[in-house]
Amino acid sequence: MIIGAGPGIGQAVARRFAGEGLPITLIARGERTLRAAAAAVAPHGVPVVTAQADGTDRAALDAALERSIGEHGVPDVAVYNAALVRADEPGELSVRDHMEAWAVNVVGALNAAAHLAPMMAARGSGTFLVTGGMPEPKPQYVSLSLGKAGVRTLVALLDRQYGSSGVHVASVTVDGPVAPGTDFDPDDIAEHYWQLHTQPRPLWDREVLHTGRS
């Protein structure tokens, strides 16, 4: 399940997991984004569910998650990849703008985990991954730096709550602009998600940092 199945990391992760034969659920805000993501996965021939939902709308997100569960069951792995990325310096944004960024970057992930992780825990297995970034905060990206710090805390909280029940919670922190053919190629980054999902339980990492091929 990919929440935030846009071009770049979202579609690359979907292709990577579809290549292993897993059925795929794609969730995104826009119908055009969903069509493009479904087309990217189609060559792998796996069952695909698409659902339109904004991660900040809990009712719509819950409905999309339930639609996926109805089709594919409780997911083996869920990836929260939605983010609001924009440049802003200290004091530049209004309170409303900061709350909007926080809702996308952190609260959407929290709500998705609150819906899915208990079911994974009841089954005794599952992986919940969040796309992180900004390993060091940058004053040119205040709201994003705050949000990605929140992601780290959220991962720690979810791991404490559900890890002992067999749910692997982790983040993939990307330290650079994602673009094909660069050190931050989305297909290279997608490999981290697969490696986290398949890690033996005694070796579980809570965060993987992608700094480039080198």
N, C-alpha and C. Protein backbone atom coordinates (compact mmCIF):
# COMPACT_ATOMS: atom_id res chain seq x y z
N MET A 1 0.84 -1.18 0.00
CA MET A 1 0.00 0.00 0.00
C MET A 1 0.88 1.24 0.00
N ILE A 2 0.67 2.12 -1.00
CA ILE A 2 1.43 3.35 -1.11
C ILE A 2 0.48 4.51 -0.90
N ILE A 3 0.67 5.26 0.16
CA ILE A 3 -0.12 6.47 0.42
C ILE A 3 0.74 7.65 0.01
N GLY A 4 0.34 8.31 -1.07
CA GLY A 4 1.18 9.33 -1.68
C GLY A 4 1.91 8.71 -2.86
N ALA A 5 1.12 8.20 -3.82
CA ALA A 5 1.67 7.41 -4.94
C ALA A 5 2.00 8.29 -6.13
N GLY A 6 2.65 9.41 -5.88
CA GLY A 6 2.99 10.33 -6.95
C GLY A 6 4.23 9.90 -7.70
N PRO A 7 4.61 10.70 -8.70
CA PRO A 7 5.84 10.40 -9.44
C PRO A 7 7.04 10.50 -8.52
N GLY A 8 8.08 9.78 -8.83
CA GLY A 8 9.25 9.77 -7.95
C GLY A 8 9.22 8.56 -7.04
N ILE A 9 9.38 8.79 -5.74
CA ILE A 9 9.52 7.68 -4.80
C ILE A 9 8.26 6.82 -4.75
N GLY A 10 7.09 7.43 -4.74
CA GLY A 10 5.85 6.66 -4.60
C GLY A 10 5.70 5.62 -5.70
N GLN A 11 5.84 6.05 -6.94
CA GLN A 11 5.71 5.11 -8.05
C GLN A 11 6.86 4.10 -8.08
N ALA A 12 8.06 4.55 -7.73
CA ALA A 12 9.21 3.63 -7.73
C ALA A 12 9.02 2.52 -6.70
N VAL A 13 8.52 2.87 -5.52
CA VAL A 13 8.26 1.86 -4.50
C VAL A 13 7.17 0.89 -4.97
N ALA A 14 6.13 1.44 -5.58
CA ALA A 14 5.06 0.58 -6.10
C ALA A 14 5.62 -0.41 -7.13
N ARG A 15 6.47 0.07 -8.04
CA ARG A 15 7.05 -0.83 -9.04
C ARG A 15 7.94 -1.88 -8.38
N ARG A 16 8.70 -1.47 -7.37
CA ARG A 16 9.63 -2.40 -6.72
C ARG A 16 8.87 -3.55 -6.06
N PHE A 17 7.80 -3.23 -5.35
CA PHE A 17 7.04 -4.27 -4.66
C PHE A 17 6.20 -5.08 -5.65
N ALA A 18 5.68 -4.44 -6.68
CA ALA A 18 4.93 -5.18 -7.70
C ALA A 18 5.84 -6.17 -8.41
N GLY A 19 7.11 -5.79 -8.55
CA GLY A 19 8.08 -6.70 -9.17
C GLY A 19 8.31 -7.97 -8.38
N GLU A 20 7.95 -7.94 -7.10
CA GLU A 20 8.03 -9.14 -6.27
C GLU A 20 6.73 -9.92 -6.25
N GLY A 21 5.75 -9.44 -7.04
CA GLY A 21 4.49 -10.16 -7.15
C GLY A 21 3.44 -9.77 -6.14
N LEU A 22 3.67 -8.71 -5.36
CA LEU A 22 2.68 -8.30 -4.36
C LEU A 22 1.56 -7.50 -5.00
N PRO A 23 0.30 -7.73 -4.59
CA PRO A 23 -0.77 -6.84 -5.03
C PRO A 23 -0.53 -5.44 -4.46
N ILE A 24 -0.96 -4.43 -5.19
CA ILE A 24 -0.62 -3.05 -4.87
C ILE A 24 -1.88 -2.22 -4.69
N THR A 25 -1.87 -1.37 -3.66
CA THR A 25 -2.87 -0.32 -3.51
C THR A 25 -2.18 1.02 -3.65
N LEU A 26 -2.75 1.88 -4.47
CA LEU A 26 -2.22 3.21 -4.72
C LEU A 26 -3.23 4.24 -4.21
N ILE A 27 -2.78 5.12 -3.33
CA ILE A 27 -3.64 6.16 -2.78
C ILE A 27 -2.99 7.51 -3.07
N ALA A 28 -3.75 8.42 -3.63
CA ALA A 28 -3.24 9.76 -3.93
C ALA A 28 -4.42 10.73 -3.97
N ARG A 29 -4.12 12.02 -3.95
CA ARG A 29 -5.18 13.02 -3.97
C ARG A 29 -5.81 13.17 -5.34
N GLY A 30 -5.00 13.04 -6.42
CA GLY A 30 -5.50 13.34 -7.75
C GLY A 30 -5.73 12.13 -8.61
N GLU A 31 -6.78 12.17 -9.43
CA GLU A 31 -7.10 11.06 -10.32
C GLU A 31 -6.01 10.88 -11.37
N ARG A 32 -5.44 11.97 -11.87
CA ARG A 32 -4.38 11.87 -12.87
C ARG A 32 -3.15 11.16 -12.29
N THR A 33 -2.83 11.49 -11.05
CA THR A 33 -1.70 10.84 -10.38
C THR A 33 -1.94 9.35 -10.25
N LEU A 34 -3.15 8.98 -9.89
CA LEU A 34 -3.49 7.57 -9.74
C LEU A 34 -3.40 6.82 -11.06
N ARG A 35 -3.87 7.45 -12.12
CA ARG A 35 -3.81 6.79 -13.44
C ARG A 35 -2.36 6.55 -13.85
N ALA A 36 -1.51 7.55 -13.62
CA ALA A 36 -0.10 7.41 -13.97
C ALA A 36 0.58 6.32 -13.14
N ALA A 37 0.25 6.28 -11.86
CA ALA A 37 0.85 5.26 -10.98
C ALA A 37 0.39 3.87 -11.38
N ALA A 38 -0.89 3.73 -11.68
CA ALA A 38 -1.41 2.42 -12.10
C ALA A 38 -0.76 1.97 -13.39
N ALA A 39 -0.52 2.91 -14.31
CA ALA A 39 0.14 2.57 -15.57
C ALA A 39 1.57 2.13 -15.33
N ALA A 40 2.22 2.74 -14.35
CA ALA A 40 3.61 2.37 -14.05
C ALA A 40 3.72 0.96 -13.48
N VAL A 41 2.70 0.53 -12.77
CA VAL A 41 2.70 -0.80 -12.14
C VAL A 41 2.18 -1.87 -13.09
N ALA A 42 1.36 -1.48 -14.06
CA ALA A 42 0.65 -2.43 -14.91
C ALA A 42 1.53 -3.50 -15.56
N PRO A 43 2.75 -3.16 -16.03
CA PRO A 43 3.56 -4.21 -16.69
C PRO A 43 3.87 -5.41 -15.80
N HIS A 44 3.76 -5.26 -14.49
CA HIS A 44 4.07 -6.37 -13.59
C HIS A 44 2.90 -7.35 -13.44
N GLY A 45 1.72 -6.95 -13.90
CA GLY A 45 0.60 -7.87 -13.93
C GLY A 45 0.01 -8.26 -12.59
N VAL A 46 0.22 -7.46 -11.56
CA VAL A 46 -0.33 -7.77 -10.24
C VAL A 46 -1.66 -7.04 -10.06
N PRO A 47 -2.51 -7.54 -9.16
CA PRO A 47 -3.76 -6.83 -8.87
C PRO A 47 -3.47 -5.44 -8.30
N VAL A 48 -4.20 -4.44 -8.76
CA VAL A 48 -3.99 -3.06 -8.33
C VAL A 48 -5.33 -2.43 -7.94
N VAL A 49 -5.35 -1.81 -6.77
CA VAL A 49 -6.49 -1.01 -6.32
C VAL A 49 -6.04 0.44 -6.27
N THR A 50 -6.85 1.34 -6.80
CA THR A 50 -6.57 2.77 -6.69
C THR A 50 -7.67 3.43 -5.88
N ALA A 51 -7.28 4.39 -5.07
CA ALA A 51 -8.25 5.10 -4.22
C ALA A 51 -7.82 6.55 -4.08
N GLN A 52 -8.74 7.46 -4.29
CA GLN A 52 -8.46 8.89 -4.21
C GLN A 52 -8.76 9.38 -2.80
N ALA A 53 -7.75 9.95 -2.15
CA ALA A 53 -7.94 10.47 -0.79
C ALA A 53 -6.83 11.45 -0.48
N ASP A 54 -7.16 12.47 0.29
CA ASP A 54 -6.19 13.42 0.82
C ASP A 54 -5.77 12.92 2.20
N GLY A 55 -4.47 12.81 2.42
CA GLY A 55 -3.99 12.30 3.70
C GLY A 55 -4.39 13.14 4.90
N THR A 56 -4.79 14.39 4.67
CA THR A 56 -5.21 15.25 5.78
C THR A 56 -6.70 15.11 6.09
N ASP A 57 -7.42 14.36 5.27
CA ASP A 57 -8.85 14.12 5.47
C ASP A 57 -9.00 12.72 6.04
N ARG A 58 -9.15 12.64 7.35
CA ARG A 58 -9.12 11.32 7.99
C ARG A 58 -10.25 10.42 7.52
N ALA A 59 -11.44 10.96 7.33
CA ALA A 59 -12.55 10.12 6.88
C ALA A 59 -12.28 9.56 5.49
N ALA A 60 -11.76 10.40 4.59
CA ALA A 60 -11.47 9.93 3.23
C ALA A 60 -10.32 8.92 3.25
N LEU A 61 -9.31 9.17 4.07
CA LEU A 61 -8.20 8.24 4.16
C LEU A 61 -8.66 6.91 4.73
N ASP A 62 -9.45 6.93 5.79
CA ASP A 62 -9.97 5.69 6.37
C ASP A 62 -10.77 4.90 5.33
N ALA A 63 -11.58 5.61 4.54
CA ALA A 63 -12.39 4.94 3.52
C ALA A 63 -11.49 4.29 2.47
N ALA A 64 -10.41 4.97 2.08
CA ALA A 64 -9.49 4.40 1.10
C ALA A 64 -8.78 3.18 1.67
N LEU A 65 -8.38 3.25 2.93
CA LEU A 65 -7.72 2.11 3.56
C LEU A 65 -8.66 0.91 3.65
N GLU A 66 -9.90 1.17 4.01
CA GLU A 66 -10.87 0.08 4.11
C GLU A 66 -11.18 -0.53 2.75
N ARG A 67 -11.21 0.31 1.72
CA ARG A 67 -11.42 -0.23 0.37
C ARG A 67 -10.29 -1.18 0.00
N SER A 68 -9.06 -0.78 0.32
CA SER A 68 -7.92 -1.64 0.03
C SER A 68 -7.99 -2.94 0.82
N ILE A 69 -8.32 -2.84 2.11
CA ILE A 69 -8.41 -4.03 2.95
C ILE A 69 -9.49 -4.98 2.43
N GLY A 70 -10.59 -4.39 1.96
CA GLY A 70 -11.65 -5.21 1.40
C GLY A 70 -11.22 -5.99 0.17
N GLU A 71 -10.30 -5.41 -0.61
CA GLU A 71 -9.83 -6.06 -1.84
C GLU A 71 -8.64 -7.00 -1.58
N HIS A 72 -7.68 -6.51 -0.79
CA HIS A 72 -6.41 -7.24 -0.64
C HIS A 72 -6.16 -7.76 0.77
N GLY A 73 -7.01 -7.42 1.72
CA GLY A 73 -6.74 -7.79 3.10
C GLY A 73 -5.82 -6.77 3.76
N VAL A 74 -5.49 -7.01 5.02
CA VAL A 74 -4.56 -6.12 5.74
C VAL A 74 -3.22 -6.16 5.02
N PRO A 75 -2.65 -5.01 4.69
CA PRO A 75 -1.43 -5.03 3.88
C PRO A 75 -0.24 -5.63 4.62
N ASP A 76 0.62 -6.28 3.86
CA ASP A 76 1.89 -6.73 4.41
C ASP A 76 2.78 -5.53 4.73
N VAL A 77 2.70 -4.51 3.89
CA VAL A 77 3.53 -3.32 4.07
C VAL A 77 2.74 -2.10 3.62
N ALA A 78 2.80 -1.05 4.41
CA ALA A 78 2.20 0.23 4.05
C ALA A 78 3.29 1.29 4.07
N VAL A 79 3.28 2.14 3.05
CA VAL A 79 4.28 3.20 2.92
C VAL A 79 3.55 4.54 2.90
N TYR A 80 3.88 5.40 3.86
CA TYR A 80 3.33 6.76 3.85
C TYR A 80 4.37 7.67 3.21
N ASN A 81 4.04 8.15 2.01
CA ASN A 81 4.98 8.91 1.20
C ASN A 81 4.50 10.33 0.92
N ALA A 82 3.37 10.72 1.51
CA ALA A 82 2.84 12.06 1.25
C ALA A 82 3.67 13.10 2.00
N ALA A 83 3.86 14.26 1.37
CA ALA A 83 4.61 15.33 2.01
C ALA A 83 4.27 16.65 1.35
N LEU A 84 4.37 17.71 2.11
CA LEU A 84 4.22 19.07 1.58
C LEU A 84 5.61 19.70 1.61
N VAL A 85 6.22 19.80 0.45
CA VAL A 85 7.59 20.29 0.33
C VAL A 85 7.56 21.71 -0.23
N ARG A 86 8.03 22.65 0.57
CA ARG A 86 8.11 24.03 0.08
C ARG A 86 9.19 24.77 0.86
N ALA A 87 9.77 25.74 0.23
CA ALA A 87 10.80 26.55 0.89
C ALA A 87 10.13 27.62 1.74
N ASP A 88 10.55 27.71 2.99
CA ASP A 88 10.05 28.77 3.87
C ASP A 88 11.07 29.01 4.98
N GLU A 89 11.26 30.27 5.31
CA GLU A 89 12.25 30.64 6.33
C GLU A 89 11.56 30.97 7.65
N PRO A 90 12.32 31.07 8.75
CA PRO A 90 11.71 31.33 10.06
C PRO A 90 10.81 32.58 10.03
N GLY A 91 9.58 32.40 10.51
CA GLY A 91 8.64 33.51 10.60
C GLY A 91 7.90 33.83 9.33
N GLU A 92 8.18 33.11 8.25
CA GLU A 92 7.57 33.44 6.96
C GLU A 92 6.14 32.93 6.83
N LEU A 93 5.85 31.74 7.37
CA LEU A 93 4.53 31.14 7.21
C LEU A 93 3.58 31.56 8.32
N SER A 94 2.31 31.56 7.98
CA SER A 94 1.27 31.78 8.99
C SER A 94 1.08 30.51 9.81
N VAL A 95 0.37 30.65 10.92
CA VAL A 95 0.04 29.47 11.73
C VAL A 95 -0.74 28.46 10.89
N ARG A 96 -1.69 28.94 10.10
CA ARG A 96 -2.49 28.04 9.26
C ARG A 96 -1.59 27.27 8.28
N ASP A 97 -0.63 27.97 7.67
CA ASP A 97 0.27 27.30 6.72
C ASP A 97 1.12 26.24 7.42
N HIS A 98 1.59 26.56 8.63
CA HIS A 98 2.37 25.56 9.36
C HIS A 98 1.52 24.35 9.72
N MET A 99 0.29 24.60 10.14
CA MET A 99 -0.59 23.49 10.50
C MET A 99 -0.92 22.63 9.28
N GLU A 100 -1.06 23.26 8.11
CA GLU A 100 -1.31 22.51 6.88
C GLU A 100 -0.14 21.58 6.57
N ALA A 101 1.08 22.12 6.69
CA ALA A 101 2.27 21.30 6.43
C ALA A 101 2.38 20.16 7.43
N TRP A 102 2.13 20.45 8.70
CA TRP A 102 2.22 19.44 9.75
C TRP A 102 1.18 18.33 9.52
N ALA A 103 0.00 18.74 9.07
CA ALA A 103 -1.06 17.75 8.84
C ALA A 103 -0.65 16.77 7.76
N VAL A 104 -0.03 17.26 6.68
CA VAL A 104 0.39 16.37 5.59
C VAL A 104 1.58 15.53 6.01
N ASN A 105 2.58 16.18 6.58
CA ASN A 105 3.87 15.53 6.81
C ASN A 105 3.87 14.56 7.98
N VAL A 106 3.01 14.81 8.98
CA VAL A 106 3.06 14.00 10.20
C VAL A 106 1.71 13.37 10.54
N VAL A 107 0.66 14.19 10.61
CA VAL A 107 -0.63 13.69 11.11
C VAL A 107 -1.23 12.67 10.16
N GLY A 108 -1.06 12.86 8.86
CA GLY A 108 -1.55 11.85 7.92
C GLY A 108 -0.91 10.50 8.16
N ALA A 109 0.40 10.50 8.42
CA ALA A 109 1.10 9.25 8.72
C ALA A 109 0.58 8.64 10.02
N LEU A 110 0.36 9.47 11.01
CA LEU A 110 -0.17 9.00 12.29
C LEU A 110 -1.54 8.35 12.10
N ASN A 111 -2.41 9.01 11.34
CA ASN A 111 -3.76 8.46 11.15
C ASN A 111 -3.73 7.16 10.36
N ALA A 112 -2.86 7.08 9.35
CA ALA A 112 -2.75 5.83 8.60
C ALA A 112 -2.26 4.71 9.50
N ALA A 113 -1.26 5.00 10.33
CA ALA A 113 -0.73 3.98 11.24
C ALA A 113 -1.76 3.58 12.28
N ALA A 114 -2.51 4.55 12.78
CA ALA A 114 -3.53 4.24 13.79
C ALA A 114 -4.59 3.29 13.24
N HIS A 115 -4.83 3.37 11.94
CA HIS A 115 -5.82 2.50 11.30
C HIS A 115 -5.24 1.11 11.01
N LEU A 116 -4.00 1.08 10.52
CA LEU A 116 -3.44 -0.17 10.00
C LEU A 116 -2.62 -0.96 11.02
N ALA A 117 -1.83 -0.26 11.84
CA ALA A 117 -0.89 -0.97 12.72
C ALA A 117 -1.58 -1.91 13.71
N PRO A 118 -2.73 -1.54 14.31
CA PRO A 118 -3.37 -2.50 15.22
C PRO A 118 -3.77 -3.79 14.52
N MET A 119 -4.19 -3.71 13.26
CA MET A 119 -4.55 -4.92 12.53
C MET A 119 -3.31 -5.75 12.19
N MET A 120 -2.22 -5.06 11.85
CA MET A 120 -0.97 -5.78 11.63
C MET A 120 -0.52 -6.47 12.92
N ALA A 121 -0.63 -5.73 14.04
CA ALA A 121 -0.21 -6.29 15.32
C ALA A 121 -1.06 -7.51 15.69
N ALA A 122 -2.36 -7.43 15.45
CA ALA A 122 -3.23 -8.57 15.75
C ALA A 122 -2.85 -9.79 14.92
N ARG A 123 -2.38 -9.56 13.68
CA ARG A 123 -1.93 -10.65 12.82
C ARG A 123 -0.55 -11.15 13.24
N GLY A 124 0.23 -10.25 13.87
CA GLY A 124 1.57 -10.62 14.30
C GLY A 124 2.67 -10.29 13.32
N SER A 125 2.33 -9.55 12.28
CA SER A 125 3.35 -9.17 11.29
C SER A 125 2.87 -7.99 10.47
N GLY A 126 3.83 -7.25 9.93
CA GLY A 126 3.52 -6.12 9.06
C GLY A 126 4.65 -5.12 9.09
N THR A 127 4.68 -4.27 8.08
CA THR A 127 5.69 -3.23 7.98
C THR A 127 5.00 -1.92 7.70
N PHE A 128 5.35 -0.88 8.46
CA PHE A 128 4.82 0.46 8.23
C PHE A 128 6.01 1.39 8.05
N LEU A 129 6.15 1.95 6.86
CA LEU A 129 7.31 2.76 6.51
C LEU A 129 6.87 4.19 6.17
N VAL A 130 7.69 5.15 6.55
CA VAL A 130 7.41 6.56 6.27
C VAL A 130 8.61 7.15 5.54
N THR A 131 8.33 7.92 4.50
CA THR A 131 9.41 8.62 3.81
C THR A 131 9.83 9.84 4.63
N GLY A 132 11.09 9.85 5.03
CA GLY A 132 11.63 10.95 5.81
C GLY A 132 12.55 11.81 4.96
N GLY A 133 13.18 12.75 5.61
CA GLY A 133 14.10 13.65 4.93
C GLY A 133 14.70 14.60 5.93
N MET A 134 15.51 15.53 5.45
CA MET A 134 16.10 16.57 6.30
C MET A 134 16.80 15.98 7.53
N PRO A 135 17.81 15.15 7.33
CA PRO A 135 18.51 14.62 8.50
C PRO A 135 19.11 15.73 9.37
N GLU A 136 19.41 16.85 8.75
CA GLU A 136 19.80 18.04 9.49
C GLU A 136 18.83 19.16 9.12
N PRO A 137 18.23 19.84 10.11
CA PRO A 137 17.27 20.90 9.79
C PRO A 137 17.91 22.03 9.00
N LYS A 138 17.14 22.62 8.09
CA LYS A 138 17.63 23.71 7.25
C LYS A 138 16.73 24.93 7.42
N PRO A 139 17.31 26.09 7.71
CA PRO A 139 16.49 27.28 7.91
C PRO A 139 15.77 27.74 6.66
N GLN A 140 16.14 27.20 5.50
CA GLN A 140 15.42 27.53 4.27
C GLN A 140 14.18 26.67 4.08
N TYR A 141 14.06 25.63 4.90
CA TYR A 141 12.92 24.71 4.82
C TYR A 141 12.40 24.44 6.23
N VAL A 142 11.84 25.45 6.84
CA VAL A 142 11.46 25.33 8.25
C VAL A 142 10.33 24.31 8.44
N SER A 143 9.23 24.47 7.71
CA SER A 143 8.09 23.57 7.94
C SER A 143 8.44 22.13 7.60
N LEU A 144 9.23 21.92 6.56
CA LEU A 144 9.62 20.56 6.21
C LEU A 144 10.58 19.99 7.25
N SER A 145 11.51 20.80 7.73
CA SER A 145 12.43 20.33 8.78
C SER A 145 11.67 19.92 10.03
N LEU A 146 10.69 20.74 10.43
CA LEU A 146 9.88 20.40 11.60
C LEU A 146 9.09 19.11 11.35
N GLY A 147 8.53 18.99 10.15
CA GLY A 147 7.74 17.81 9.84
C GLY A 147 8.56 16.54 9.83
N LYS A 148 9.75 16.60 9.26
CA LYS A 148 10.57 15.39 9.21
C LYS A 148 11.12 15.02 10.58
N ALA A 149 11.35 16.02 11.44
CA ALA A 149 11.69 15.71 12.83
C ALA A 149 10.52 15.02 13.51
N GLY A 150 9.30 15.48 13.20
CA GLY A 150 8.11 14.84 13.73
C GLY A 150 7.96 13.40 13.27
N VAL A 151 8.35 13.14 12.02
CA VAL A 151 8.30 11.77 11.49
C VAL A 151 9.19 10.85 12.32
N ARG A 152 10.40 11.32 12.66
CA ARG A 152 11.30 10.48 13.47
C ARG A 152 10.67 10.15 14.82
N THR A 153 10.08 11.14 15.45
CA THR A 153 9.43 10.90 16.74
C THR A 153 8.26 9.95 16.58
N LEU A 154 7.46 10.15 15.52
CA LEU A 154 6.31 9.27 15.28
C LEU A 154 6.76 7.83 15.09
N VAL A 155 7.81 7.61 14.31
CA VAL A 155 8.33 6.26 14.10
C VAL A 155 8.75 5.63 15.42
N ALA A 156 9.42 6.42 16.26
CA ALA A 156 9.83 5.89 17.57
C ALA A 156 8.63 5.51 18.42
N LEU A 157 7.60 6.34 18.41
CA LEU A 157 6.39 6.05 19.19
C LEU A 157 5.68 4.80 18.68
N LEU A 158 5.54 4.70 17.36
CA LEU A 158 4.85 3.54 16.79
C LEU A 158 5.64 2.25 17.01
N ASP A 159 6.96 2.36 16.94
CA ASP A 159 7.80 1.19 17.21
C ASP A 159 7.61 0.73 18.65
N ARG A 160 7.55 1.67 19.56
CA ARG A 160 7.36 1.32 20.97
C ARG A 160 5.99 0.69 21.19
N GLN A 161 4.99 1.18 20.46
CA GLN A 161 3.63 0.69 20.64
C GLN A 161 3.39 -0.67 19.99
N TYR A 162 3.95 -0.87 18.79
CA TYR A 162 3.57 -2.04 18.00
C TYR A 162 4.73 -2.98 17.66
N GLY A 163 5.96 -2.55 17.90
CA GLY A 163 7.10 -3.37 17.51
C GLY A 163 7.12 -4.73 18.16
N SER A 164 6.78 -4.79 19.42
CA SER A 164 6.81 -6.07 20.13
C SER A 164 5.75 -7.04 19.61
N SER A 165 4.77 -6.52 18.86
CA SER A 165 3.72 -7.37 18.29
C SER A 165 4.02 -7.78 16.86
N GLY A 166 5.25 -7.47 16.41
CA GLY A 166 5.66 -7.93 15.10
C GLY A 166 5.52 -6.93 13.98
N VAL A 167 5.28 -5.65 14.32
CA VAL A 167 5.14 -4.61 13.29
C VAL A 167 6.46 -3.84 13.20
N HIS A 168 7.07 -3.90 12.04
CA HIS A 168 8.33 -3.19 11.80
C HIS A 168 8.00 -1.77 11.33
N VAL A 169 8.31 -0.79 12.14
CA VAL A 169 8.06 0.62 11.82
C VAL A 169 9.41 1.29 11.59
N ALA A 170 9.54 1.98 10.46
CA ALA A 170 10.82 2.59 10.13
C ALA A 170 10.61 3.73 9.14
N SER A 171 11.65 4.52 8.96
CA SER A 171 11.61 5.59 7.96
C SER A 171 12.80 5.46 7.01
N VAL A 172 12.58 5.94 5.79
CA VAL A 172 13.66 6.07 4.81
C VAL A 172 13.92 7.57 4.67
N THR A 173 15.06 8.01 5.14
CA THR A 173 15.39 9.44 5.13
C THR A 173 16.22 9.75 3.90
N VAL A 174 15.71 10.65 3.08
CA VAL A 174 16.34 10.98 1.80
C VAL A 174 16.99 12.36 1.93
N ASP A 175 18.31 12.39 1.81
CA ASP A 175 19.08 13.61 2.04
C ASP A 175 19.45 14.30 0.74
N GLY A 176 18.43 14.61 -0.08
CA GLY A 176 18.71 15.29 -1.33
C GLY A 176 17.50 15.29 -2.25
N PRO A 177 17.55 16.07 -3.32
CA PRO A 177 16.44 16.15 -4.26
C PRO A 177 16.32 14.91 -5.12
N VAL A 178 15.16 14.33 -5.17
CA VAL A 178 14.93 13.09 -5.91
C VAL A 178 14.80 13.39 -7.40
N ALA A 179 15.59 12.68 -8.20
CA ALA A 179 15.52 12.86 -9.65
C ALA A 179 16.14 11.64 -10.32
N PRO A 180 15.51 11.13 -11.38
CA PRO A 180 16.07 9.97 -12.10
C PRO A 180 17.46 10.28 -12.64
N GLY A 181 18.31 9.27 -12.62
CA GLY A 181 19.64 9.40 -13.18
C GLY A 181 20.64 10.13 -12.31
N THR A 182 20.25 10.46 -11.09
CA THR A 182 21.15 11.13 -10.16
C THR A 182 21.47 10.21 -8.99
N ASP A 183 22.25 10.71 -8.04
CA ASP A 183 22.51 9.94 -6.83
C ASP A 183 21.25 9.72 -6.00
N PHE A 184 20.19 10.41 -6.35
CA PHE A 184 18.92 10.28 -5.64
C PHE A 184 17.84 9.78 -6.60
N ASP A 185 18.24 8.81 -7.40
CA ASP A 185 17.30 8.18 -8.32
C ASP A 185 16.22 7.45 -7.51
N PRO A 186 14.95 7.65 -7.85
CA PRO A 186 13.89 7.01 -7.05
C PRO A 186 13.94 5.50 -7.04
N ASP A 187 14.43 4.91 -8.12
CA ASP A 187 14.54 3.44 -8.14
C ASP A 187 15.58 2.94 -7.15
N ASP A 188 16.66 3.69 -6.98
CA ASP A 188 17.67 3.33 -5.97
C ASP A 188 17.09 3.49 -4.57
N ILE A 189 16.36 4.57 -4.37
CA ILE A 189 15.76 4.83 -3.06
C ILE A 189 14.73 3.75 -2.73
N ALA A 190 13.96 3.32 -3.72
CA ALA A 190 12.92 2.31 -3.49
C ALA A 190 13.50 1.01 -2.94
N GLU A 191 14.76 0.72 -3.26
CA GLU A 191 15.37 -0.51 -2.78
C GLU A 191 15.43 -0.54 -1.25
N HIS A 192 15.60 0.63 -0.62
CA HIS A 192 15.63 0.68 0.85
C HIS A 192 14.31 0.19 1.45
N TYR A 193 13.21 0.52 0.82
CA TYR A 193 11.90 0.11 1.34
C TYR A 193 11.77 -1.41 1.30
N TRP A 194 12.23 -2.00 0.20
CA TRP A 194 12.17 -3.46 0.11
C TRP A 194 13.09 -4.11 1.15
N GLN A 195 14.29 -3.57 1.31
CA GLN A 195 15.23 -4.14 2.28
C GLN A 195 14.68 -4.03 3.70
N LEU A 196 14.06 -2.91 4.03
CA LEU A 196 13.46 -2.78 5.37
C LEU A 196 12.33 -3.79 5.55
N HIS A 197 11.51 -3.96 4.54
CA HIS A 197 10.38 -4.87 4.66
C HIS A 197 10.84 -6.32 4.84
N THR A 198 11.97 -6.67 4.24
CA THR A 198 12.43 -8.06 4.28
C THR A 198 13.50 -8.32 5.34
N GLN A 199 13.84 -7.32 6.14
CA GLN A 199 14.84 -7.52 7.19
C GLN A 199 14.39 -8.57 8.20
N PRO A 200 15.27 -9.46 8.61
CA PRO A 200 14.93 -10.37 9.72
C PRO A 200 14.65 -9.55 10.99
N ARG A 201 13.71 -10.01 11.77
CA ARG A 201 13.29 -9.24 12.93
C ARG A 201 14.44 -8.88 13.89
N PRO A 202 15.40 -9.75 14.15
CA PRO A 202 16.49 -9.35 15.06
C PRO A 202 17.36 -8.22 14.52
N LEU A 203 17.27 -7.94 13.22
CA LEU A 203 18.11 -6.93 12.59
C LEU A 203 17.33 -5.68 12.19
N TRP A 204 16.11 -5.53 12.65
CA TRP A 204 15.29 -4.40 12.24
C TRP A 204 15.99 -3.07 12.47
N ASP A 205 16.03 -2.24 11.43
CA ASP A 205 16.44 -0.85 11.54
C ASP A 205 15.20 0.02 11.71
N ARG A 206 15.36 1.14 12.39
CA ARG A 206 14.25 2.08 12.53
C ARG A 206 14.38 3.24 11.55
N GLU A 207 15.58 3.42 10.98
CA GLU A 207 15.78 4.47 9.98
C GLU A 207 16.91 4.07 9.05
N VAL A 208 16.73 4.33 7.76
CA VAL A 208 17.77 4.18 6.76
C VAL A 208 17.99 5.53 6.11
N LEU A 209 19.22 5.94 5.98
CA LEU A 209 19.57 7.24 5.40
C LEU A 209 20.11 7.04 3.99
N HIS A 210 19.49 7.67 3.02
CA HIS A 210 19.98 7.63 1.64
C HIS A 210 20.69 8.95 1.34
N THR A 211 22.00 8.87 1.18
CA THR A 211 22.79 10.06 0.89
C THR A 211 23.33 10.05 -0.53
N GLY A 212 23.00 9.07 -1.33
CA GLY A 212 23.50 8.95 -2.69
C GLY A 212 24.18 7.62 -2.88
N ARG A 213 24.51 7.30 -4.10
CA ARG A 213 25.08 5.99 -4.42
C ARG A 213 26.41 5.76 -3.74
N SER A 214 27.16 6.83 -3.50
CA SER A 214 28.47 6.68 -2.87
C SER A 214 28.33 6.41 -1.38
